[in-house]
Amino acid sequence: MVVSLGRPHRTVACVALLLVGPGALATESNLQLTSPLVWVMVSISAAGAIVTFAFLVYAVVKFRDSAAKGRRYG
């Protein structure tokens, strides 16, 4: 069923769209709202990975077996 709006109704509809339109376009999407949170979580996890890898390298260098120095493996 197609409803035809008369002239006064069309004017009211156009005015309502003009008033609501900019407000509706100014809202942020879900992606825009959560993007900063995602970047914070990615940076925290990257920092944790860097700290973990640095500790691994430190432990390998610090606690290597000095008696095995110069010995060939295999």
Protein backbone atom coordinates (compact mmCIF):
# COMPACT_ATOMS: atom_id res chain seq x y z
CA MET A 1 0.00 0.00 0.00
CA VAL A 2 1.53 3.30 -1.08
CA VAL A 3 0.69 6.33 0.99
CA SER A 4 0.81 9.67 -0.73
CA LEU A 5 1.57 12.64 1.46
CA GLY A 6 -0.27 15.83 0.72
CA ARG A 7 1.50 19.18 0.44
CA PRO A 8 1.33 20.17 4.17
CA HIS A 9 2.45 16.73 5.30
CA ARG A 10 5.35 16.76 2.89
CA THR A 11 6.50 20.11 4.24
CA VAL A 12 6.34 18.86 7.81
CA ALA A 13 8.28 15.72 6.83
CA CYS A 14 10.98 17.79 5.09
CA VAL A 15 11.35 20.12 8.07
CA ALA A 16 11.58 17.13 10.42
CA LEU A 17 14.28 15.56 8.24
CA LEU A 18 16.24 18.81 8.19
CA LEU A 19 16.07 19.09 11.96
CA VAL A 20 16.89 15.45 12.72
CA GLY A 21 19.27 14.84 9.81
CA PRO A 22 22.41 16.64 11.04
CA GLY A 23 22.03 15.12 14.50
CA ALA A 24 21.71 11.66 13.04
CA LEU A 25 24.74 12.17 10.83
CA ALA A 26 26.85 13.49 13.69
CA THR A 27 26.58 10.31 15.76
CA GLU A 28 29.58 7.98 15.85
CA SER A 29 29.44 4.38 14.73
CA ASN A 30 30.23 1.45 17.00
CA LEU A 31 33.61 1.08 15.30
CA GLN A 32 34.48 4.71 15.96
CA LEU A 33 33.44 4.36 19.59
CA THR A 34 35.45 1.19 20.27
CA SER A 35 38.52 1.98 18.16
CA PRO A 36 40.41 3.84 20.93
CA LEU A 37 39.74 0.99 23.34
CA VAL A 38 41.05 -1.54 20.81
CA TRP A 39 44.25 0.49 20.31
CA VAL A 40 44.80 0.69 24.07
CA MET A 41 44.36 -3.08 24.39
CA VAL A 42 46.72 -3.74 21.46
CA SER A 43 49.39 -1.45 22.93
CA ILE A 44 49.10 -3.07 26.37
CA SER A 45 49.45 -6.54 24.87
CA ALA A 46 52.40 -5.46 22.69
CA ALA A 47 54.12 -3.94 25.73
CA GLY A 48 53.55 -7.16 27.66
CA ALA A 49 55.00 -9.22 24.82
CA ILE A 50 58.08 -6.98 24.64
CA VAL A 51 58.65 -7.22 28.41
CA THR A 52 58.22 -11.00 28.33
CA PHE A 53 60.64 -11.42 25.42
CA ALA A 54 63.18 -9.10 27.07
CA PHE A 55 63.03 -11.17 30.27
CA LEU A 56 63.50 -14.35 28.22
CA VAL A 57 66.60 -12.94 26.54
CA TYR A 58 67.94 -11.70 29.90
CA ALA A 59 67.42 -15.12 31.50
CA VAL A 60 69.13 -16.96 28.63
CA VAL A 61 72.14 -14.63 28.76
CA LYS A 62 72.38 -14.44 32.55
CA PHE A 63 71.92 -18.12 33.37
CA ARG A 64 73.75 -19.83 30.51
CA ASP A 65 76.09 -22.64 31.42
CA SER A 66 79.62 -21.28 31.42
CA ALA A 67 81.07 -24.83 31.42
CA ALA A 68 79.57 -25.38 27.96
CA LYS A 69 81.48 -22.44 26.49
CA GLY A 70 83.34 -23.50 23.37
CA ARG A 71 81.84 -26.97 23.42
CA ARG A 72 80.29 -28.15 20.20
CA TYR A 73 76.84 -29.61 20.27
CA GLY A 74 75.70 -32.53 18.13
